[in-house]
């Protein structure tokens, strides 16, 4: 007589199935908990900008500083609509930019350089502007086309 049998009962076979009833019970309890607590959670408020109340601010066009291959510095104020470059001595550059930024506060300054300019010359111009308190100084780059 096999040991698996007992008092006239047939031997139990091993099931290879998972009993999912306890998992379903746990899922239903969690569902009830979420359904009860969801209305109690305060929704977050997001303040979105409204359209039409204020006119959109037009961005200020920058002052363009160009450094040529021979070290000559030229400027033009794009905010004033200048199309021609003005040649300035290096010692008058910060005065010119400060004067223009007093007229248009927050006006950015971009530095454009010829591809043959030694990078040190561009850094010197940028450093001089920042030491004199000119804010918003950046570099102008030309995007390379596919051709």
N, C-alpha and C. Protein backbone atom coordinates (compact mmCIF):
# COMPACT_ATOMS: atom_id res chain seq x y z
N UNK A 1 0.81 -1.18 0.00
CA UNK A 1 0.00 0.00 0.00
C UNK A 1 0.86 1.26 0.00
N UNK A 2 0.54 2.17 -0.89
CA UNK A 2 1.32 3.40 -0.91
C UNK A 2 1.01 4.26 0.30
N UNK A 3 2.01 5.04 0.70
CA UNK A 3 1.88 5.87 1.88
C UNK A 3 1.01 7.10 1.62
N UNK A 4 0.75 7.41 0.39
CA UNK A 4 -0.02 8.60 0.07
C UNK A 4 -1.50 8.41 0.36
N UNK A 5 -1.93 7.20 0.44
CA UNK A 5 -3.35 6.97 0.72
C UNK A 5 -3.60 6.94 2.20
N UNK A 6 -4.75 7.35 2.56
CA UNK A 6 -5.12 7.28 3.96
C UNK A 6 -6.57 6.88 4.06
N UNK A 7 -6.93 6.12 4.94
CA UNK A 7 -8.28 5.66 5.29
C UNK A 7 -9.28 5.65 4.14
N UNK A 8 -8.98 5.08 3.12
CA UNK A 8 -9.91 4.90 2.02
C UNK A 8 -10.04 6.10 1.10
N UNK A 9 -9.26 7.13 1.29
CA UNK A 9 -9.32 8.28 0.38
C UNK A 9 -8.32 8.07 -0.74
N UNK A 10 -8.71 8.49 -1.94
CA UNK A 10 -7.73 8.37 -3.02
C UNK A 10 -6.59 9.38 -2.85
N UNK A 11 -5.48 9.09 -3.43
CA UNK A 11 -4.32 9.98 -3.32
C UNK A 11 -4.59 11.29 -4.05
N UNK A 12 -4.15 12.38 -3.49
CA UNK A 12 -4.33 13.69 -4.13
C UNK A 12 -3.25 13.88 -5.19
N UNK A 13 -3.69 14.39 -6.29
CA UNK A 13 -2.73 14.68 -7.34
C UNK A 13 -2.25 16.11 -7.19
N UNK A 14 -1.02 16.36 -7.59
CA UNK A 14 -0.47 17.71 -7.55
C UNK A 14 -1.09 18.54 -8.68
N UNK A 15 -1.54 19.74 -8.36
CA UNK A 15 -2.08 20.63 -9.38
C UNK A 15 -0.95 21.48 -9.93
N UNK A 16 -0.94 21.68 -11.21
CA UNK A 16 0.05 22.58 -11.79
C UNK A 16 -0.59 23.91 -12.20
N UNK A 17 -1.64 24.30 -11.55
CA UNK A 17 -2.32 25.56 -11.80
C UNK A 17 -2.19 26.45 -10.57
N UNK A 18 -2.17 27.75 -10.82
CA UNK A 18 -2.08 28.72 -9.73
C UNK A 18 -3.49 29.05 -9.27
N UNK A 19 -3.67 29.08 -7.98
CA UNK A 19 -4.96 29.45 -7.41
C UNK A 19 -5.04 30.99 -7.41
N UNK A 20 -5.87 31.55 -8.29
CA UNK A 20 -5.93 33.00 -8.46
C UNK A 20 -6.99 33.66 -7.59
N UNK A 21 -7.77 32.90 -6.88
CA UNK A 21 -8.83 33.47 -6.07
C UNK A 21 -8.28 34.44 -5.01
N UNK A 22 -7.19 34.12 -4.30
CA UNK A 22 -6.68 35.11 -3.33
C UNK A 22 -6.19 36.39 -4.01
N UNK A 23 -5.63 36.29 -5.20
CA UNK A 23 -5.16 37.48 -5.91
C UNK A 23 -6.33 38.37 -6.32
N UNK A 24 -7.42 37.75 -6.73
CA UNK A 24 -8.62 38.50 -7.11
C UNK A 24 -9.19 39.20 -5.88
N UNK A 25 -9.16 38.55 -4.74
CA UNK A 25 -9.65 39.18 -3.50
C UNK A 25 -8.82 40.40 -3.14
N UNK A 26 -7.51 40.27 -3.23
CA UNK A 26 -6.62 41.39 -2.91
C UNK A 26 -6.85 42.53 -3.90
N UNK A 27 -7.03 42.21 -5.18
CA UNK A 27 -7.26 43.23 -6.18
C UNK A 27 -8.56 43.98 -5.91
N UNK A 28 -9.60 43.28 -5.54
CA UNK A 28 -10.87 43.94 -5.26
C UNK A 28 -10.80 44.82 -4.02
N UNK A 29 -10.06 44.39 -3.00
CA UNK A 29 -9.88 45.23 -1.81
C UNK A 29 -9.13 46.51 -2.18
N UNK A 30 -8.05 46.38 -2.99
CA UNK A 30 -7.31 47.57 -3.40
C UNK A 30 -8.18 48.49 -4.25
N UNK A 31 -8.99 47.93 -5.11
CA UNK A 31 -9.89 48.74 -5.94
C UNK A 31 -10.85 49.55 -5.07
N UNK A 32 -11.41 48.92 -4.05
CA UNK A 32 -12.32 49.62 -3.15
C UNK A 32 -11.58 50.73 -2.41
N UNK A 33 -10.36 50.45 -1.96
CA UNK A 33 -9.58 51.48 -1.24
C UNK A 33 -9.32 52.67 -2.15
N UNK A 34 -8.92 52.44 -3.41
CA UNK A 34 -8.67 53.55 -4.32
C UNK A 34 -9.94 54.30 -4.66
N UNK A 35 -11.05 53.60 -4.79
CA UNK A 35 -12.30 54.28 -5.10
C UNK A 35 -12.76 55.16 -3.94
N UNK A 36 -12.47 54.77 -2.73
CA UNK A 36 -12.87 55.56 -1.57
C UNK A 36 -11.94 56.75 -1.37
N UNK A 37 -10.64 56.55 -1.57
CA UNK A 37 -9.68 57.63 -1.28
C UNK A 37 -9.52 58.60 -2.44
N UNK A 38 -9.84 58.24 -3.66
CA UNK A 38 -9.64 59.13 -4.81
C UNK A 38 -10.38 60.46 -4.67
N UNK A 39 -11.65 60.49 -4.26
CA UNK A 39 -12.32 61.79 -4.13
C UNK A 39 -11.76 62.64 -2.99
N UNK A 40 -11.08 62.03 -2.04
CA UNK A 40 -10.56 62.78 -0.91
C UNK A 40 -9.24 63.49 -1.22
N UNK A 41 -8.55 63.05 -2.25
CA UNK A 41 -7.27 63.65 -2.60
C UNK A 41 -7.54 64.98 -3.30
N UNK A 42 -6.90 66.04 -2.81
CA UNK A 42 -7.09 67.36 -3.40
C UNK A 42 -6.33 67.43 -4.73
N UNK A 43 -7.01 67.81 -5.79
CA UNK A 43 -6.31 67.91 -7.08
C UNK A 43 -5.35 69.09 -7.08
N UNK A 44 -4.21 68.94 -7.75
CA UNK A 44 -3.24 70.02 -7.85
C UNK A 44 -3.74 71.10 -8.79
N UNK A 45 -3.50 72.33 -8.45
CA UNK A 45 -3.94 73.44 -9.27
C UNK A 45 -2.77 73.93 -10.11
N UNK A 46 -2.99 74.09 -11.39
CA UNK A 46 -1.98 74.59 -12.31
C UNK A 46 -2.47 75.92 -12.84
N UNK A 47 -1.63 76.93 -12.71
CA UNK A 47 -1.99 78.25 -13.21
C UNK A 47 -1.47 78.38 -14.64
N UNK A 48 -2.37 78.43 -15.57
CA UNK A 48 -2.00 78.57 -16.97
C UNK A 48 -2.11 80.04 -17.38
N UNK A 49 -1.25 80.48 -18.27
CA UNK A 49 -1.37 81.86 -18.72
C UNK A 49 -2.63 82.03 -19.55
N UNK A 50 -3.26 83.15 -19.38
CA UNK A 50 -4.47 83.41 -20.14
C UNK A 50 -4.11 84.17 -21.41
N UNK A 51 -4.87 83.94 -22.42
CA UNK A 51 -4.62 84.53 -23.72
C UNK A 51 -5.45 85.80 -23.87
N UNK A 52 -4.84 86.85 -24.41
CA UNK A 52 -5.59 88.04 -24.74
C UNK A 52 -5.56 89.13 -23.69
N UNK A 53 -5.08 88.88 -22.48
CA UNK A 53 -5.09 89.93 -21.48
C UNK A 53 -3.95 90.92 -21.69
N UNK A 54 -2.77 90.38 -22.00
CA UNK A 54 -1.63 91.26 -22.24
C UNK A 54 -1.09 90.98 -23.63
N UNK A 55 -0.57 92.00 -24.24
CA UNK A 55 0.07 91.80 -25.52
C UNK A 55 1.40 91.08 -25.29
N UNK A 56 1.72 90.19 -26.17
CA UNK A 56 2.98 89.45 -26.04
C UNK A 56 4.14 90.43 -26.18
N UNK A 57 5.11 90.25 -25.29
CA UNK A 57 6.26 91.14 -25.33
C UNK A 57 7.15 90.78 -26.52
N UNK A 58 7.51 91.78 -27.27
CA UNK A 58 8.37 91.56 -28.42
C UNK A 58 9.80 91.45 -27.91
N UNK A 59 10.52 90.39 -28.29
CA UNK A 59 11.89 90.27 -27.80
C UNK A 59 12.77 91.39 -28.34
N UNK A 60 13.71 91.79 -27.51
CA UNK A 60 14.61 92.87 -27.88
C UNK A 60 15.70 92.31 -28.79
N UNK A 61 15.93 92.99 -29.88
CA UNK A 61 16.98 92.56 -30.80
C UNK A 61 18.34 92.93 -30.21
N UNK A 62 19.36 92.13 -30.46
CA UNK A 62 20.66 92.33 -29.80
C UNK A 62 21.53 93.39 -30.47
N UNK A 63 22.57 93.75 -29.74
CA UNK A 63 23.67 94.54 -30.30
C UNK A 63 24.68 93.53 -30.82
N UNK A 64 25.05 93.65 -32.06
CA UNK A 64 25.99 92.71 -32.66
C UNK A 64 27.39 93.32 -32.69
N UNK A 65 28.34 92.61 -32.10
CA UNK A 65 29.74 93.03 -32.10
C UNK A 65 30.48 92.06 -33.00
N UNK A 66 31.14 92.59 -34.04
CA UNK A 66 31.89 91.73 -34.95
C UNK A 66 33.38 91.98 -34.80
N UNK A 67 34.11 90.88 -34.71
CA UNK A 67 35.57 90.95 -34.62
C UNK A 67 36.11 90.41 -35.93
N UNK A 68 36.80 91.27 -36.68
CA UNK A 68 37.34 90.87 -37.98
C UNK A 68 38.65 90.12 -37.81
N UNK A 69 39.13 89.54 -38.90
CA UNK A 69 40.36 88.74 -38.87
C UNK A 69 41.57 89.59 -38.47
N UNK A 70 41.55 90.89 -38.82
CA UNK A 70 42.67 91.77 -38.46
C UNK A 70 42.50 92.42 -37.09
N UNK A 71 41.46 92.05 -36.35
CA UNK A 71 41.26 92.54 -34.99
C UNK A 71 40.39 93.78 -34.90
N UNK A 72 39.88 94.28 -36.02
CA UNK A 72 39.02 95.47 -36.02
C UNK A 72 37.65 95.09 -35.46
N UNK A 73 37.16 95.93 -34.55
CA UNK A 73 35.86 95.68 -33.91
C UNK A 73 34.83 96.61 -34.51
N UNK A 74 33.71 96.02 -34.93
CA UNK A 74 32.60 96.77 -35.50
C UNK A 74 31.33 96.40 -34.75
N UNK A 75 30.39 97.36 -34.67
CA UNK A 75 29.13 97.11 -33.96
C UNK A 75 27.96 97.61 -34.78
N UNK A 76 26.80 97.02 -34.51
CA UNK A 76 25.54 97.55 -35.03
C UNK A 76 24.44 97.17 -34.06
N UNK A 77 23.51 98.08 -33.87
CA UNK A 77 22.39 97.87 -32.96
C UNK A 77 21.20 97.44 -33.80
N UNK A 78 20.85 96.18 -33.72
CA UNK A 78 19.75 95.66 -34.52
C UNK A 78 18.41 96.16 -34.01
N UNK A 79 18.32 96.55 -32.75
CA UNK A 79 17.09 97.09 -32.19
C UNK A 79 16.77 98.45 -32.82
N UNK A 80 17.81 99.23 -33.13
CA UNK A 80 17.62 100.54 -33.74
C UNK A 80 17.45 100.43 -35.26
N UNK A 81 17.56 99.22 -35.79
CA UNK A 81 17.39 99.02 -37.23
C UNK A 81 18.64 99.32 -38.03
N UNK A 82 19.78 99.36 -37.39
CA UNK A 82 21.02 99.65 -38.11
C UNK A 82 21.40 98.45 -38.98
N UNK A 83 21.77 98.75 -40.22
CA UNK A 83 22.19 97.68 -41.12
C UNK A 83 23.69 97.74 -41.40
N UNK A 84 24.26 98.91 -41.24
CA UNK A 84 25.70 99.09 -41.49
C UNK A 84 26.48 98.95 -40.19
N UNK A 85 27.65 98.37 -40.30
CA UNK A 85 28.53 98.22 -39.14
C UNK A 85 29.30 99.51 -38.91
N UNK A 86 29.44 99.88 -37.64
CA UNK A 86 30.26 101.02 -37.26
C UNK A 86 31.57 100.48 -36.68
N UNK A 87 32.69 100.98 -37.15
CA UNK A 87 33.97 100.57 -36.61
C UNK A 87 34.25 101.40 -35.36
N UNK A 88 34.63 100.71 -34.28
CA UNK A 88 34.91 101.37 -33.01
C UNK A 88 36.28 100.93 -32.50
N UNK A 89 36.99 101.85 -31.85
CA UNK A 89 38.19 101.41 -31.14
C UNK A 89 37.80 100.50 -29.97
N UNK A 90 38.66 99.59 -29.59
CA UNK A 90 38.35 98.62 -28.54
C UNK A 90 38.04 99.30 -27.22
N UNK A 91 38.66 100.44 -26.93
CA UNK A 91 38.42 101.10 -25.64
C UNK A 91 37.08 101.83 -25.59
N UNK A 92 36.42 102.07 -26.74
CA UNK A 92 35.12 102.74 -26.76
C UNK A 92 33.95 101.75 -26.84
N UNK A 93 34.26 100.48 -26.98
CA UNK A 93 33.21 99.48 -27.16
C UNK A 93 32.29 99.40 -25.94
N UNK A 94 32.85 99.32 -24.75
CA UNK A 94 32.01 99.18 -23.56
C UNK A 94 31.16 100.43 -23.32
N UNK A 95 31.70 101.61 -23.62
CA UNK A 95 30.90 102.83 -23.46
C UNK A 95 29.72 102.83 -24.42
N UNK A 96 29.95 102.42 -25.66
CA UNK A 96 28.89 102.37 -26.66
C UNK A 96 27.78 101.40 -26.21
N UNK A 97 28.18 100.24 -25.74
CA UNK A 97 27.20 99.22 -25.36
C UNK A 97 26.45 99.64 -24.10
N UNK A 98 27.14 100.24 -23.14
CA UNK A 98 26.45 100.73 -21.94
C UNK A 98 25.43 101.80 -22.29
N UNK A 99 25.80 102.70 -23.19
CA UNK A 99 24.88 103.76 -23.61
C UNK A 99 23.64 103.15 -24.26
N UNK A 100 23.83 102.17 -25.13
CA UNK A 100 22.70 101.52 -25.80
C UNK A 100 21.84 100.73 -24.81
N UNK A 101 22.46 100.09 -23.81
CA UNK A 101 21.69 99.33 -22.84
C UNK A 101 20.96 100.23 -21.86
N UNK A 102 21.41 101.48 -21.69
CA UNK A 102 20.65 102.43 -20.89
C UNK A 102 19.37 102.83 -21.62
N UNK A 103 19.47 102.94 -22.95
CA UNK A 103 18.30 103.28 -23.74
C UNK A 103 17.31 102.11 -23.80
N UNK A 104 17.83 100.89 -23.91
CA UNK A 104 17.01 99.68 -23.98
C UNK A 104 17.52 98.70 -22.93
N UNK A 105 17.00 98.76 -21.70
CA UNK A 105 17.49 97.85 -20.66
C UNK A 105 17.24 96.38 -21.02
N UNK A 106 18.21 95.55 -20.67
CA UNK A 106 18.09 94.12 -20.92
C UNK A 106 18.42 93.71 -22.34
N UNK A 107 18.96 94.63 -23.12
CA UNK A 107 19.29 94.29 -24.51
C UNK A 107 20.53 93.39 -24.53
N UNK A 108 20.43 92.23 -25.19
CA UNK A 108 21.58 91.32 -25.22
C UNK A 108 22.66 91.80 -26.19
N UNK A 109 23.85 91.26 -25.97
CA UNK A 109 24.99 91.55 -26.83
C UNK A 109 25.49 90.22 -27.38
N UNK A 110 25.63 90.13 -28.70
CA UNK A 110 26.18 88.93 -29.30
C UNK A 110 27.48 89.28 -30.01
N UNK A 111 28.44 88.38 -29.89
CA UNK A 111 29.74 88.60 -30.50
C UNK A 111 29.88 87.64 -31.67
N UNK A 112 30.12 88.20 -32.85
CA UNK A 112 30.34 87.40 -34.05
C UNK A 112 31.79 87.61 -34.47
N UNK A 113 32.44 86.55 -34.87
CA UNK A 113 33.85 86.67 -35.24
C UNK A 113 34.07 85.98 -36.57
N UNK A 114 35.04 86.51 -37.30
CA UNK A 114 35.47 85.89 -38.54
C UNK A 114 36.07 84.52 -38.20
N UNK A 115 35.96 83.58 -39.11
CA UNK A 115 36.49 82.25 -38.86
C UNK A 115 38.00 82.20 -38.70
N UNK A 116 38.68 83.25 -39.16
CA UNK A 116 40.15 83.28 -39.08
C UNK A 116 40.66 84.01 -37.85
N UNK A 117 39.75 84.51 -37.03
CA UNK A 117 40.14 85.25 -35.83
C UNK A 117 40.67 84.27 -34.79
N UNK A 118 41.73 84.66 -34.13
CA UNK A 118 42.25 83.87 -33.02
C UNK A 118 41.20 83.93 -31.91
N UNK A 119 40.87 82.78 -31.36
CA UNK A 119 39.80 82.70 -30.36
C UNK A 119 40.09 83.57 -29.15
N UNK A 120 41.36 83.78 -28.86
CA UNK A 120 41.75 84.60 -27.72
C UNK A 120 41.23 86.03 -27.87
N UNK A 121 41.19 86.56 -29.10
CA UNK A 121 40.68 87.92 -29.32
C UNK A 121 39.20 88.01 -28.97
N UNK A 122 38.44 86.97 -29.30
CA UNK A 122 37.01 86.95 -28.99
C UNK A 122 36.80 86.87 -27.49
N UNK A 123 37.59 86.04 -26.83
CA UNK A 123 37.47 85.90 -25.37
C UNK A 123 37.83 87.21 -24.68
N UNK A 124 38.83 87.92 -25.20
CA UNK A 124 39.20 89.21 -24.59
C UNK A 124 38.05 90.21 -24.69
N UNK A 125 37.39 90.26 -25.84
CA UNK A 125 36.25 91.18 -26.00
C UNK A 125 35.14 90.79 -25.04
N UNK A 126 34.83 89.49 -24.96
CA UNK A 126 33.78 89.03 -24.07
C UNK A 126 34.12 89.31 -22.61
N UNK A 127 35.36 89.07 -22.24
CA UNK A 127 35.81 89.30 -20.87
C UNK A 127 35.75 90.79 -20.52
N UNK A 128 36.14 91.63 -21.43
CA UNK A 128 36.11 93.09 -21.18
C UNK A 128 34.68 93.56 -20.96
N UNK A 129 33.76 93.05 -21.77
CA UNK A 129 32.36 93.45 -21.61
C UNK A 129 31.80 92.99 -20.27
N UNK A 130 32.12 91.78 -19.88
CA UNK A 130 31.60 91.28 -18.61
C UNK A 130 32.24 91.98 -17.41
N UNK A 131 33.51 92.35 -17.52
CA UNK A 131 34.16 93.08 -16.42
C UNK A 131 33.58 94.48 -16.27
N UNK A 132 33.11 95.07 -17.34
CA UNK A 132 32.53 96.41 -17.28
C UNK A 132 31.06 96.38 -16.89
N UNK A 133 30.53 95.19 -16.58
CA UNK A 133 29.16 95.10 -16.08
C UNK A 133 28.10 94.95 -17.14
N UNK A 134 28.51 94.64 -18.37
CA UNK A 134 27.53 94.43 -19.43
C UNK A 134 26.94 93.04 -19.24
N UNK A 135 25.62 93.00 -19.12
CA UNK A 135 24.97 91.71 -18.90
C UNK A 135 24.51 91.12 -20.23
N UNK A 136 24.20 89.84 -20.21
CA UNK A 136 23.68 89.11 -21.37
C UNK A 136 24.61 89.19 -22.57
N UNK A 137 25.82 88.66 -22.40
CA UNK A 137 26.79 88.59 -23.48
C UNK A 137 26.83 87.16 -23.98
N UNK A 138 26.77 86.98 -25.29
CA UNK A 138 26.81 85.64 -25.86
C UNK A 138 27.57 85.63 -27.16
N UNK A 139 27.72 84.44 -27.73
CA UNK A 139 28.41 84.27 -28.99
C UNK A 139 27.40 83.96 -30.09
N UNK A 140 27.62 84.56 -31.24
CA UNK A 140 26.77 84.32 -32.41
C UNK A 140 27.44 83.26 -33.25
N UNK A 141 26.71 82.20 -33.55
CA UNK A 141 27.27 81.12 -34.36
C UNK A 141 26.48 81.00 -35.63
N UNK A 142 27.17 80.58 -36.67
CA UNK A 142 26.52 80.38 -37.94
C UNK A 142 26.30 78.89 -38.12
N UNK A 143 25.03 78.52 -38.33
CA UNK A 143 24.71 77.11 -38.50
C UNK A 143 25.24 76.65 -39.85
N UNK A 144 25.92 75.51 -39.82
CA UNK A 144 26.44 74.96 -41.08
C UNK A 144 25.32 74.29 -41.85
N UNK A 145 25.19 74.64 -43.11
CA UNK A 145 24.18 74.03 -43.96
C UNK A 145 24.66 72.68 -44.45
N UNK A 146 23.80 71.93 -45.12
CA UNK A 146 24.15 70.62 -45.65
C UNK A 146 25.10 70.72 -46.83
N UNK A 147 25.24 71.90 -47.46
CA UNK A 147 26.10 72.02 -48.64
C UNK A 147 27.49 72.42 -48.29
